[in-house]
């Protein structure tokens, strides 16, 4: 689905986000998204590691 958005679509999304949150809230929003992605990636790595350990034990 995201592959059909293209550059103009991304620009429109950015403009809407800028209008909704304002320029003062954007850095805070970016940090929150970054932290969320970091936590998601670390959780996914933990799940993969747990799954690999279970495969080795069986």
C-alpha atoms as a PDB file:
ATOM      1  CA  UNK A   1       0.000   0.000   0.000  1.00  0.00           C
ATOM      2  CA  UNK A   2       2.785   2.451   0.851  1.00  0.00           C
ATOM      3  CA  UNK A   3       4.559   1.828  -2.435  1.00  0.00           C
ATOM      4  CA  UNK A   4       1.690   3.589  -4.250  1.00  0.00           C
ATOM      5  CA  UNK A   5       1.949   6.847  -2.288  1.00  0.00           C
ATOM      6  CA  UNK A   6       4.958   8.340  -4.054  1.00  0.00           C
ATOM      7  CA  UNK A   7       6.735  11.606  -3.375  1.00  0.00           C
ATOM      8  CA  UNK A   8       3.706  13.928  -3.850  1.00  0.00           C
ATOM      9  CA  UNK A   9       1.686  11.854  -1.400  1.00  0.00           C
ATOM     10  CA  UNK A  10       4.468  11.941   1.178  1.00  0.00           C
ATOM     11  CA  UNK A  11       4.734  15.712   0.800  1.00  0.00           C
ATOM     12  CA  UNK A  12       0.987  16.074   1.383  1.00  0.00           C
ATOM     13  CA  UNK A  13       1.202  13.901   4.500  1.00  0.00           C
ATOM     14  CA  UNK A  14       4.074  16.022   5.791  1.00  0.00           C
ATOM     15  CA  UNK A  15       2.111  19.248   5.208  1.00  0.00           C
ATOM     16  CA  UNK A  16      -0.948  17.846   7.008  1.00  0.00           C
ATOM     17  CA  UNK A  17       1.189  16.699   9.958  1.00  0.00           C
ATOM     18  CA  UNK A  18       2.831  20.118  10.097  1.00  0.00           C
ATOM     19  CA  UNK A  19      -0.565  21.846  10.109  1.00  0.00           C
ATOM     20  CA  UNK A  20      -2.061  19.527  12.729  1.00  0.00           C
ATOM     21  CA  UNK A  21       0.871  19.428  15.175  1.00  0.00           C
ATOM     22  CA  UNK A  22       2.592  22.709  14.397  1.00  0.00           C
ATOM     23  CA  UNK A  23       6.314  23.310  14.020  1.00  0.00           C
ATOM     24  CA  UNK A  24       6.962  23.377  17.781  1.00  0.00           C
ATOM     25  CA  UNK A  25       5.585  19.871  18.381  1.00  0.00           C
ATOM     26  CA  UNK A  26       7.322  18.179  15.432  1.00  0.00           C
ATOM     27  CA  UNK A  27      10.657  17.487  17.196  1.00  0.00           C
ATOM     28  CA  UNK A  28       8.819  15.951  20.159  1.00  0.00           C
ATOM     29  CA  UNK A  29       6.694  13.859  17.813  1.00  0.00           C
ATOM     30  CA  UNK A  30       9.792  12.705  15.929  1.00  0.00           C
ATOM     31  CA  UNK A  31      11.510  11.642  19.145  1.00  0.00           C
ATOM     32  CA  UNK A  32       8.420   9.711  20.222  1.00  0.00           C
ATOM     33  CA  UNK A  33       8.255   7.907  16.877  1.00  0.00           C
ATOM     34  CA  UNK A  34      11.984   7.139  17.069  1.00  0.00           C
ATOM     35  CA  UNK A  35      11.683   5.704  20.574  1.00  0.00           C
ATOM     36  CA  UNK A  36       8.696   3.606  19.537  1.00  0.00           C
ATOM     37  CA  UNK A  37      10.547   2.195  16.530  1.00  0.00           C
ATOM     38  CA  UNK A  38      13.604   1.443  18.671  1.00  0.00           C
ATOM     39  CA  UNK A  39      11.499  -0.413  21.250  1.00  0.00           C
ATOM     40  CA  UNK A  40       9.696  -2.323  18.505  1.00  0.00           C
ATOM     41  CA  UNK A  41      12.967  -3.392  16.871  1.00  0.00           C
ATOM     42  CA  UNK A  42      14.485  -4.523  20.164  1.00  0.00           C
ATOM     43  CA  UNK A  43      11.334  -6.483  21.027  1.00  0.00           C
ATOM     44  CA  UNK A  44      11.366  -8.135  17.620  1.00  0.00           C
ATOM     45  CA  UNK A  45      15.035  -9.092  18.055  1.00  0.00           C
ATOM     46  CA  UNK A  46      14.250 -10.588  21.467  1.00  0.00           C
ATOM     47  CA  UNK A  47      11.399 -12.630  20.019  1.00  0.00           C
ATOM     48  CA  UNK A  48      13.604 -13.945  17.215  1.00  0.00           C
ATOM     49  CA  UNK A  49      16.354 -14.806  19.688  1.00  0.00           C
ATOM     50  CA  UNK A  50      13.871 -16.629  21.940  1.00  0.00           C
ATOM     51  CA  UNK A  51      12.528 -18.545  18.957  1.00  0.00           C
ATOM     52  CA  UNK A  52      16.042 -19.575  17.885  1.00  0.00           C
ATOM     53  CA  UNK A  53      16.824 -20.766  21.432  1.00  0.00           C
ATOM     54  CA  UNK A  54      13.658 -22.886  21.444  1.00  0.00           C
ATOM     55  CA  UNK A  55      14.662 -24.433  18.092  1.00  0.00           C
ATOM     56  CA  UNK A  56      18.086 -25.354  19.473  1.00  0.00           C
ATOM     57  CA  UNK A  57      16.597 -27.003  22.545  1.00  0.00           C
ATOM     58  CA  UNK A  58      14.175 -29.175  20.581  1.00  0.00           C
END
